[in-house]
Amino acid sequence: PLLALDPDLLYWGTKAGSRQIFSDCGIPHP
């Protein structure tokens, strides 16, 4: 086993994916 995330989820670590997470969580972002 690999102690890391499934690569299919990498989008959430991109700039656009990050902004979506911040928006969903109500976290202030530019």
PDB file of all heavy atoms in Angstrom:
ATOM      1  N   PRO A   1       0.821  -1.217   0.000  1.00  0.00           N
ATOM      2  CA  PRO A   1       0.000   0.000   0.000  1.00  0.00           C
ATOM      3  C   PRO A   1       0.851   1.261   0.000  1.00  0.00           C
ATOM      4  O   PRO A   1       1.965   1.297   0.526  1.00  0.00           O
ATOM      5  CB  PRO A   1      -0.797  -0.115   1.296  1.00  0.00           C
ATOM      6  CG  PRO A   1      -0.002  -1.022   2.172  1.00  0.00           C
ATOM      7  CD  PRO A   1       0.704  -1.978   1.253  1.00  0.00           C
ATOM      8  N   LEU A   2       0.308   2.298  -0.598  1.00  0.00           N
ATOM      9  CA  LEU A   2       0.931   3.614  -0.643  1.00  0.00           C
ATOM     10  C   LEU A   2       0.244   4.513   0.377  1.00  0.00           C
ATOM     11  O   LEU A   2      -0.975   4.698   0.320  1.00  0.00           O
ATOM     12  CB  LEU A   2       0.793   4.215  -2.046  1.00  0.00           C
ATOM     13  CG  LEU A   2       1.225   5.682  -2.219  1.00  0.00           C
ATOM     14  CD1 LEU A   2       2.719   5.837  -1.949  1.00  0.00           C
ATOM     15  CD2 LEU A   2       0.886   6.178  -3.625  1.00  0.00           C
ATOM     16  N   LEU A   3       1.029   5.053   1.314  1.00  0.00           N
ATOM     17  CA  LEU A   3       0.486   5.959   2.310  1.00  0.00           C
ATOM     18  C   LEU A   3       0.416   7.365   1.695  1.00  0.00           C
ATOM     19  O   LEU A   3       1.264   8.222   1.921  1.00  0.00           O
ATOM     20  CB  LEU A   3       1.360   5.958   3.569  1.00  0.00           C
ATOM     21  CG  LEU A   3       0.878   6.814   4.746  1.00  0.00           C
ATOM     22  CD1 LEU A   3      -0.522   6.423   5.176  1.00  0.00           C
ATOM     23  CD2 LEU A   3       1.847   6.729   5.914  1.00  0.00           C
ATOM     24  N   ALA A   4      -0.598   7.575   0.879  1.00  0.00           N
ATOM     25  CA  ALA A   4      -0.807   8.842   0.171  1.00  0.00           C
ATOM     26  C   ALA A   4      -2.199   8.814  -0.430  1.00  0.00           C
ATOM     27  O   ALA A   4      -2.865   7.774  -0.458  1.00  0.00           O
ATOM     28  CB  ALA A   4       0.248   9.047  -0.912  1.00  0.00           C
ATOM     29  N   LEU A   5      -2.640   9.953  -0.948  1.00  0.00           N
ATOM     30  CA  LEU A   5      -3.980  10.016  -1.509  1.00  0.00           C
ATOM     31  C   LEU A   5      -4.062   9.307  -2.856  1.00  0.00           C
ATOM     32  O   LEU A   5      -3.042   9.108  -3.538  1.00  0.00           O
ATOM     33  CB  LEU A   5      -4.436  11.462  -1.658  1.00  0.00           C
ATOM     34  CG  LEU A   5      -4.093  12.225  -2.948  1.00  0.00           C
ATOM     35  CD1 LEU A   5      -4.950  13.462  -3.056  1.00  0.00           C
ATOM     36  CD2 LEU A   5      -2.638  12.570  -3.025  1.00  0.00           C
ATOM     37  N   ASP A   6      -5.270   8.945  -3.246  1.00  0.00           N
ATOM     38  CA  ASP A   6      -5.514   8.393  -4.574  1.00  0.00           C
ATOM     39  C   ASP A   6      -5.281   9.507  -5.600  1.00  0.00           C
ATOM     40  O   ASP A   6      -5.845  10.603  -5.477  1.00  0.00           O
ATOM     41  CB  ASP A   6      -6.961   7.901  -4.655  1.00  0.00           C
ATOM     42  CG  ASP A   6      -7.249   7.122  -5.929  1.00  0.00           C
ATOM     43  OD1 ASP A   6      -6.715   7.503  -6.988  1.00  0.00           O
ATOM     44  OD2 ASP A   6      -8.018   6.152  -5.864  1.00  0.00           O
ATOM     45  N   PRO A   7      -4.436   9.272  -6.609  1.00  0.00           N
ATOM     46  CA  PRO A   7      -4.158  10.327  -7.605  1.00  0.00           C
ATOM     47  C   PRO A   7      -5.395  10.860  -8.316  1.00  0.00           C
ATOM     48  O   PRO A   7      -5.339  11.965  -8.867  1.00  0.00           O
ATOM     49  CB  PRO A   7      -3.207   9.625  -8.587  1.00  0.00           C
ATOM     50  CG  PRO A   7      -2.550   8.557  -7.786  1.00  0.00           C
ATOM     51  CD  PRO A   7      -3.607   8.077  -6.828  1.00  0.00           C
ATOM     52  N   ASP A   8      -6.497  10.115  -8.298  1.00  0.00           N
ATOM     53  CA  ASP A   8      -7.720  10.615  -8.923  1.00  0.00           C
ATOM     54  C   ASP A   8      -8.252  11.858  -8.204  1.00  0.00           C
ATOM     55  O   ASP A   8      -9.115  12.567  -8.735  1.00  0.00           O
ATOM     56  CB  ASP A   8      -8.802   9.532  -8.921  1.00  0.00           C
ATOM     57  CG  ASP A   8      -8.504   8.423  -9.919  1.00  0.00           C
ATOM     58  OD1 ASP A   8      -7.635   8.628 -10.796  1.00  0.00           O
ATOM     59  OD2 ASP A   8      -9.123   7.346  -9.813  1.00  0.00           O
ATOM     60  N   LEU A   9      -7.719  12.144  -7.007  1.00  0.00           N
ATOM     61  CA  LEU A   9      -8.197  13.278  -6.217  1.00  0.00           C
ATOM     62  C   LEU A   9      -7.257  14.484  -6.283  1.00  0.00           C
ATOM     63  O   LEU A   9      -7.437  15.452  -5.541  1.00  0.00           O
ATOM     64  CB  LEU A   9      -8.371  12.854  -4.751  1.00  0.00           C
ATOM     65  CG  LEU A   9      -9.356  11.706  -4.511  1.00  0.00           C
ATOM     66  CD1 LEU A   9      -9.285  11.236  -3.060  1.00  0.00           C
ATOM     67  CD2 LEU A   9     -10.776  12.131  -4.857  1.00  0.00           C
ATOM     68  N   LEU A  10      -6.271  14.444  -7.157  1.00  0.00           N
ATOM     69  CA  LEU A  10      -5.254  15.491  -7.200  1.00  0.00           C
ATOM     70  C   LEU A  10      -5.814  16.873  -7.552  1.00  0.00           C
ATOM     71  O   LEU A  10      -5.197  17.894  -7.220  1.00  0.00           O
ATOM     72  CB  LEU A  10      -4.160  15.126  -8.214  1.00  0.00           C
ATOM     73  CG  LEU A  10      -3.155  14.069  -7.759  1.00  0.00           C
ATOM     74  CD1 LEU A  10      -2.235  13.670  -8.903  1.00  0.00           C
ATOM     75  CD2 LEU A  10      -2.325  14.598  -6.591  1.00  0.00           C
ATOM     76  N   TYR A  11      -6.960  16.917  -8.213  1.00  0.00           N
ATOM     77  CA  TYR A  11      -7.533  18.210  -8.600  1.00  0.00           C
ATOM     78  C   TYR A  11      -7.692  19.126  -7.389  1.00  0.00           C
ATOM     79  O   TYR A  11      -7.524  20.351  -7.504  1.00  0.00           O
ATOM     80  CB  TYR A  11      -8.893  18.009  -9.279  1.00  0.00           C
ATOM     81  CG  TYR A  11      -9.641  19.309  -9.513  1.00  0.00           C
ATOM     82  CD1 TYR A  11      -9.280  20.170 -10.547  1.00  0.00           C
ATOM     83  CD2 TYR A  11     -10.702  19.686  -8.680  1.00  0.00           C
ATOM     84  CE1 TYR A  11      -9.952  21.365 -10.756  1.00  0.00           C
ATOM     85  CE2 TYR A  11     -11.379  20.878  -8.877  1.00  0.00           C
ATOM     86  CZ  TYR A  11     -11.002  21.719  -9.913  1.00  0.00           C
ATOM     87  OH  TYR A  11     -11.666  22.899 -10.104  1.00  0.00           O
ATOM     88  N   TRP A  12      -7.971  18.544  -6.211  1.00  0.00           N
ATOM     89  CA  TRP A  12      -8.244  19.376  -5.039  1.00  0.00           C
ATOM     90  C   TRP A  12      -6.983  20.023  -4.484  1.00  0.00           C
ATOM     91  O   TRP A  12      -7.064  20.848  -3.577  1.00  0.00           O
ATOM     92  CB  TRP A  12      -8.959  18.536  -3.974  1.00  0.00           C
ATOM     93  CG  TRP A  12     -10.211  17.937  -4.511  1.00  0.00           C
ATOM     94  CD1 TRP A  12     -10.466  16.621  -4.749  1.00  0.00           C
ATOM     95  CD2 TRP A  12     -11.370  18.647  -4.935  1.00  0.00           C
ATOM     96  NE1 TRP A  12     -11.712  16.456  -5.286  1.00  0.00           N
ATOM     97  CE2 TRP A  12     -12.293  17.685  -5.416  1.00  0.00           C
ATOM     98  CE3 TRP A  12     -11.737  19.993  -4.948  1.00  0.00           C
ATOM     99  CZ2 TRP A  12     -13.541  18.037  -5.908  1.00  0.00           C
ATOM    100  CZ3 TRP A  12     -12.984  20.341  -5.446  1.00  0.00           C
ATOM    101  CH2 TRP A  12     -13.883  19.376  -5.910  1.00  0.00           C
ATOM    102  N   GLY A  13      -5.847  19.696  -5.048  1.00  0.00           N
ATOM    103  CA  GLY A  13      -4.607  20.354  -4.674  1.00  0.00           C
ATOM    104  C   GLY A  13      -4.112  21.336  -5.722  1.00  0.00           C
ATOM    105  O   GLY A  13      -3.007  21.866  -5.601  1.00  0.00           O
ATOM    106  N   THR A  14      -4.903  21.572  -6.755  1.00  0.00           N
ATOM    107  CA  THR A  14      -4.538  22.573  -7.760  1.00  0.00           C
ATOM    108  C   THR A  14      -5.049  23.937  -7.319  1.00  0.00           C
ATOM    109  O   THR A  14      -5.790  24.067  -6.331  1.00  0.00           O
ATOM    110  CB  THR A  14      -5.138  22.223  -9.125  1.00  0.00           C
ATOM    111  OG1 THR A  14      -6.572  22.281  -9.038  1.00  0.00           O
ATOM    112  CG2 THR A  14      -4.710  20.822  -9.575  1.00  0.00           C
ATOM    113  N   LYS A  15      -4.668  24.977  -8.055  1.00  0.00           N
ATOM    114  CA  LYS A  15      -5.121  26.327  -7.709  1.00  0.00           C
ATOM    115  C   LYS A  15      -6.646  26.437  -7.789  1.00  0.00           C
ATOM    116  O   LYS A  15      -7.293  26.981  -6.896  1.00  0.00           O
ATOM    117  CB  LYS A  15      -4.467  27.365  -8.630  1.00  0.00           C
ATOM    118  CG  LYS A  15      -2.936  27.318  -8.669  1.00  0.00           C
ATOM    119  CD  LYS A  15      -2.318  27.607  -7.326  1.00  0.00           C
ATOM    120  CE  LYS A  15      -0.795  27.710  -7.393  1.00  0.00           C
ATOM    121  NZ  LYS A  15      -0.138  26.438  -7.709  1.00  0.00           N
ATOM    122  N   ALA A  16      -7.218  25.898  -8.879  1.00  0.00           N
ATOM    123  CA  ALA A  16      -8.672  25.987  -9.054  1.00  0.00           C
ATOM    124  C   ALA A  16      -9.396  25.110  -8.039  1.00  0.00           C
ATOM    125  O   ALA A  16     -10.413  25.516  -7.465  1.00  0.00           O
ATOM    126  CB  ALA A  16      -9.054  25.585 -10.477  1.00  0.00           C
ATOM    127  N   GLY A  17      -8.881  23.903  -7.805  1.00  0.00           N
ATOM    128  CA  GLY A  17      -9.498  23.016  -6.832  1.00  0.00           C
ATOM    129  C   GLY A  17      -9.442  23.595  -5.427  1.00  0.00           C
ATOM    130  O   GLY A  17     -10.400  23.466  -4.648  1.00  0.00           O
ATOM    131  N   SER A  18      -8.335  24.238  -5.080  1.00  0.00           N
ATOM    132  CA  SER A  18      -8.209  24.876  -3.769  1.00  0.00           C
ATOM    133  C   SER A  18      -9.271  25.944  -3.580  1.00  0.00           C
ATOM    134  O   SER A  18      -9.910  26.038  -2.519  1.00  0.00           O
ATOM    135  CB  SER A  18      -6.817  25.499  -3.622  1.00  0.00           C
ATOM    136  OG  SER A  18      -5.798  24.526  -3.704  1.00  0.00           O
ATOM    137  N   ARG A  19      -9.453  26.774  -4.607  1.00  0.00           N
ATOM    138  CA  ARG A  19     -10.440  27.854  -4.510  1.00  0.00           C
ATOM    139  C   ARG A  19     -11.837  27.273  -4.285  1.00  0.00           C
ATOM    140  O   ARG A  19     -12.636  27.839  -3.530  1.00  0.00           O
ATOM    141  CB  ARG A  19     -10.401  28.719  -5.770  1.00  0.00           C
ATOM    142  CG  ARG A  19      -9.115  29.527  -5.926  1.00  0.00           C
ATOM    143  CD  ARG A  19      -9.164  30.410  -7.195  1.00  0.00           C
ATOM    144  NE  ARG A  19     -10.321  31.277  -7.165  1.00  0.00           N
ATOM    145  CZ  ARG A  19     -10.375  32.430  -6.502  1.00  0.00           C
ATOM    146  NH1 ARG A  19      -9.326  32.835  -5.803  1.00  0.00           N
ATOM    147  NH2 ARG A  19     -11.460  33.172  -6.526  1.00  0.00           N
ATOM    148  N   GLN A  20     -12.138  26.152  -4.909  1.00  0.00           N
ATOM    149  CA  GLN A  20     -13.454  25.548  -4.730  1.00  0.00           C
ATOM    150  C   GLN A  20     -13.636  25.050  -3.300  1.00  0.00           C
ATOM    151  O   GLN A  20     -14.700  25.223  -2.694  1.00  0.00           O
ATOM    152  CB  GLN A  20     -13.647  24.402  -5.726  1.00  0.00           C
ATOM    153  CG  GLN A  20     -15.058  23.816  -5.692  1.00  0.00           C
ATOM    154  CD  GLN A  20     -15.286  22.825  -6.818  1.00  0.00           C
ATOM    155  OE1 GLN A  20     -14.639  22.870  -7.866  1.00  0.00           O
ATOM    156  NE2 GLN A  20     -16.215  21.904  -6.583  1.00  0.00           N
ATOM    157  N   ILE A  21     -12.589  24.424  -2.747  1.00  0.00           N
ATOM    158  CA  ILE A  21     -12.656  23.953  -1.361  1.00  0.00           C
ATOM    159  C   ILE A  21     -12.851  25.140  -0.407  1.00  0.00           C
ATOM    160  O   ILE A  21     -13.685  25.092   0.503  1.00  0.00           O
ATOM    161  CB  ILE A  21     -11.376  23.181  -0.979  1.00  0.00           C
ATOM    162  CG1 ILE A  21     -11.287  21.860  -1.755  1.00  0.00           C
ATOM    163  CG2 ILE A  21     -11.320  22.931   0.528  1.00  0.00           C
ATOM    164  CD1 ILE A  21     -12.238  20.789  -1.290  1.00  0.00           C
ATOM    165  N   PHE A  22     -12.093  26.204  -0.613  1.00  0.00           N
ATOM    166  CA  PHE A  22     -12.218  27.378   0.249  1.00  0.00           C
ATOM    167  C   PHE A  22     -13.633  27.937   0.190  1.00  0.00           C
ATOM    168  O   PHE A  22     -14.208  28.333   1.215  1.00  0.00           O
ATOM    169  CB  PHE A  22     -11.214  28.464  -0.151  1.00  0.00           C
ATOM    170  CG  PHE A  22      -9.774  28.041  -0.032  1.00  0.00           C
ATOM    171  CD1 PHE A  22      -8.819  28.570  -0.893  1.00  0.00           C
ATOM    172  CD2 PHE A  22      -9.373  27.120   0.923  1.00  0.00           C
ATOM    173  CE1 PHE A  22      -7.492  28.200  -0.787  1.00  0.00           C
ATOM    174  CE2 PHE A  22      -8.043  26.736   1.032  1.00  0.00           C
ATOM    175  CZ  PHE A  22      -7.105  27.281   0.170  1.00  0.00           C
ATOM    176  N   SER A  23     -14.196  27.995  -1.008  1.00  0.00           N
ATOM    177  CA  SER A  23     -15.556  28.505  -1.172  1.00  0.00           C
ATOM    178  C   SER A  23     -16.556  27.608  -0.453  1.00  0.00           C
ATOM    179  O   SER A  23     -17.449  28.094   0.254  1.00  0.00           O
ATOM    180  CB  SER A  23     -15.894  28.603  -2.660  1.00  0.00           C
ATOM    181  OG  SER A  23     -17.209  29.073  -2.854  1.00  0.00           O
ATOM    182  N   ASP A  24     -16.402  26.289  -0.612  1.00  0.00           N
ATOM    183  CA  ASP A  24     -17.320  25.342   0.032  1.00  0.00           C
ATOM    184  C   ASP A  24     -17.244  25.423   1.554  1.00  0.00           C
ATOM    185  O   ASP A  24     -18.246  25.211   2.249  1.00  0.00           O
ATOM    186  CB  ASP A  24     -17.011  23.915  -0.416  1.00  0.00           C
ATOM    187  CG  ASP A  24     -17.315  23.680  -1.897  1.00  0.00           C
ATOM    188  OD1 ASP A  24     -18.032  24.504  -2.488  1.00  0.00           O
ATOM    189  OD2 ASP A  24     -16.814  22.673  -2.446  1.00  0.00           O
ATOM    190  N   CYS A  25     -16.039  25.712   2.078  1.00  0.00           N
ATOM    191  CA  CYS A  25     -15.833  25.765   3.532  1.00  0.00           C
ATOM    192  C   CYS A  25     -16.080  27.146   4.127  1.00  0.00           C
ATOM    193  O   CYS A  25     -15.983  27.315   5.353  1.00  0.00           O
ATOM    194  CB  CYS A  25     -14.404  25.321   3.873  1.00  0.00           C
ATOM    195  SG  CYS A  25     -14.032  23.601   3.504  1.00  0.00           S
ATOM    196  N   GLY A  26     -16.349  28.142   3.291  1.00  0.00           N
ATOM    197  CA  GLY A  26     -16.558  29.489   3.787  1.00  0.00           C
ATOM    198  C   GLY A  26     -15.306  30.131   4.346  1.00  0.00           C
ATOM    199  O   GLY A  26     -15.359  30.930   5.282  1.00  0.00           O
ATOM    200  N   ILE A  27     -14.166  29.787   3.767  1.00  0.00           N
ATOM    201  CA  ILE A  27     -12.888  30.327   4.222  1.00  0.00           C
ATOM    202  C   ILE A  27     -12.509  31.524   3.349  1.00  0.00           C
ATOM    203  O   ILE A  27     -12.518  31.423   2.115  1.00  0.00           O
ATOM    204  CB  ILE A  27     -11.795  29.243   4.155  1.00  0.00           C
ATOM    205  CG1 ILE A  27     -12.115  28.134   5.167  1.00  0.00           C
ATOM    206  CG2 ILE A  27     -10.414  29.831   4.427  1.00  0.00           C
ATOM    207  CD1 ILE A  27     -11.160  26.967   5.125  1.00  0.00           C
ATOM    208  N   PRO A  28     -12.171  32.673   3.940  1.00  0.00           N
ATOM    209  CA  PRO A  28     -11.817  33.858   3.139  1.00  0.00           C
ATOM    210  C   PRO A  28     -10.657  33.567   2.196  1.00  0.00           C
ATOM    211  O   PRO A  28      -9.645  32.987   2.596  1.00  0.00           O
ATOM    212  CB  PRO A  28     -11.414  34.887   4.204  1.00  0.00           C
ATOM    213  CG  PRO A  28     -12.097  34.439   5.456  1.00  0.00           C
ATOM    214  CD  PRO A  28     -12.125  32.946   5.390  1.00  0.00           C
ATOM    215  N   HIS A  29     -10.825  33.985   0.941  1.00  0.00           N
ATOM    216  CA  HIS A  29      -9.775  33.816  -0.069  1.00  0.00           C
ATOM    217  C   HIS A  29      -9.933  34.912  -1.109  1.00  0.00           C
ATOM    218  O   HIS A  29     -11.009  35.503  -1.245  1.00  0.00           O
ATOM    219  CB  HIS A  29      -9.832  32.430  -0.707  1.00  0.00           C
ATOM    220  CG  HIS A  29     -11.138  32.106  -1.373  1.00  0.00           C
ATOM    221  ND1 HIS A  29     -12.296  31.830  -0.671  1.00  0.00           N
ATOM    222  CD2 HIS A  29     -11.484  32.017  -2.698  1.00  0.00           C
ATOM    223  CE1 HIS A  29     -13.277  31.578  -1.512  1.00  0.00           C
ATOM    224  NE2 HIS A  29     -12.813  31.698  -2.746  1.00  0.00           N
ATOM    225  N   PRO A  30      -8.881  35.235  -1.858  1.00  0.00           N
ATOM    226  CA  PRO A  30      -8.956  36.362  -2.788  1.00  0.00           C
ATOM    227  C   PRO A  30      -9.991  36.130  -3.891  1.00  0.00           C
ATOM    228  O   PRO A  30     -10.137  34.998  -4.381  1.00  0.00           O
ATOM    229  CB  PRO A  30      -7.537  36.422  -3.386  1.00  0.00           C
ATOM    230  CG  PRO A  30      -6.673  35.691  -2.417  1.00  0.00           C
ATOM    231  CD  PRO A  30      -7.535  34.622  -1.830  1.00  0.00           C
TER     232      PRO A  30
END
